[in-house]
Every structure is written in structure tokens, then in C-alpha cells.
Amino acid sequence: MPKITLEAARVNSGMTQQDMADKLGVSRSTVVAWEKGKITIKPAYLYAICQVTGFREDDILLPTKST
């Protein structure tokens, strides 16, 4: 299976950025920053993202942190 972006995993799961933020207990701006690669996703949050989206860690292409 080809990897998909974090945004695609979220959208394919039928969630808005706010929905994902609410499920993970973070702000919407944190989800935006993750999707844009502005901040790195901590392993615990990656695990939680997989739980709420139904995708495996290996399925999600994480953006590299931009400077």
C-alpha cells in the first residue's frame, strides 16, 4: 500500500482538523502544524492518530520539519 499524507489520512477518515484536534486533545493549530511539517509529531500522538484514523504508522507519510 502506498503511503498517504497525514492530511489524507484525516480526510479519508471523515474528520476536519478540528475533529482530529478534539479527539487527540490538542488545538486545531497543532494539527495544522503537524500537517505542514512545522512541528514534529511525538510518538504518542502518532499512535493516537493511527487509532482515530484507522491507518497504521507505516501507512502515513509524515512531513519533515520545515525551518
Protein backbone atom coordinates (compact mmCIF):
# COMPACT_ATOMS: atom_id res chain seq x y z
CA MET A 1 0.00 0.00 0.00
CA PRO A 2 1.44 3.41 -0.90
CA LYS A 3 1.90 5.88 1.90
CA ILE A 4 -0.53 8.76 2.30
CA THR A 5 -0.07 12.12 3.96
CA LEU A 6 -1.34 12.88 7.43
CA GLU A 7 -3.89 15.23 5.87
CA ALA A 8 -5.13 12.49 3.53
CA ALA A 9 -5.42 10.05 6.43
CA ARG A 10 -7.50 12.60 8.32
CA VAL A 11 -9.72 13.44 5.35
CA ASN A 12 -10.18 9.77 4.39
CA SER A 13 -11.34 9.19 7.96
CA GLY A 14 -14.03 11.85 7.53
CA MET A 15 -12.52 14.30 10.00
CA THR A 16 -11.89 18.00 9.89
CA GLN A 17 -8.78 19.40 11.51
CA GLN A 18 -10.95 20.43 14.46
CA ASP A 19 -12.42 16.92 14.76
CA MET A 20 -8.95 15.40 14.92
CA ALA A 21 -7.78 18.01 17.39
CA ASP A 22 -10.76 17.30 19.65
CA LYS A 23 -10.18 13.54 19.53
CA LEU A 24 -6.49 13.95 20.36
CA GLY A 25 -6.86 16.68 22.97
CA VAL A 26 -4.76 19.22 21.06
CA SER A 27 -5.53 22.52 19.37
CA ARG A 28 -6.55 22.80 15.73
CA SER A 29 -3.39 24.85 15.15
CA THR A 30 -1.33 21.87 16.34
CA VAL A 31 -2.97 19.63 13.73
CA VAL A 32 -2.31 22.27 11.07
CA ALA A 33 1.34 22.50 12.14
CA TRP A 34 1.70 18.70 12.00
CA GLU A 35 0.22 18.58 8.51
CA LYS A 36 2.50 21.35 7.28
CA GLY A 37 5.60 19.87 8.91
CA LYS A 38 6.09 22.87 11.18
CA ILE A 39 6.35 20.68 14.27
CA THR A 40 7.28 17.03 14.71
CA ILE A 41 4.61 14.57 15.84
CA LYS A 42 5.57 12.85 19.09
CA PRO A 43 5.28 9.05 19.02
CA ALA A 44 2.37 9.02 21.47
CA TYR A 45 0.38 11.32 19.21
CA LEU A 46 1.26 9.29 16.13
CA TYR A 47 -0.11 6.22 17.87
CA ALA A 48 -3.29 8.15 18.77
CA ILE A 49 -3.62 9.40 15.18
CA CYS A 50 -3.47 5.81 13.98
CA GLN A 51 -6.16 4.85 16.46
CA VAL A 52 -8.57 7.58 15.34
CA THR A 53 -7.91 7.28 11.60
CA GLY A 54 -7.61 3.50 11.31
CA PHE A 55 -4.33 3.76 9.41
CA ARG A 56 -1.08 2.12 10.50
CA GLU A 57 2.06 4.12 11.24
CA ASP A 58 3.65 2.56 8.16
CA ASP A 59 0.79 3.88 6.00
CA ILE A 60 1.23 7.53 6.94
CA LEU A 61 3.88 9.67 5.28
CA LEU A 62 4.93 12.20 7.86
CA PRO A 63 6.18 15.57 6.66
CA THR A 64 9.70 16.54 7.57
CA LYS A 65 10.03 19.50 9.88
CA SER A 66 10.48 22.65 7.86
CA THR A 67 12.61 25.55 9.03
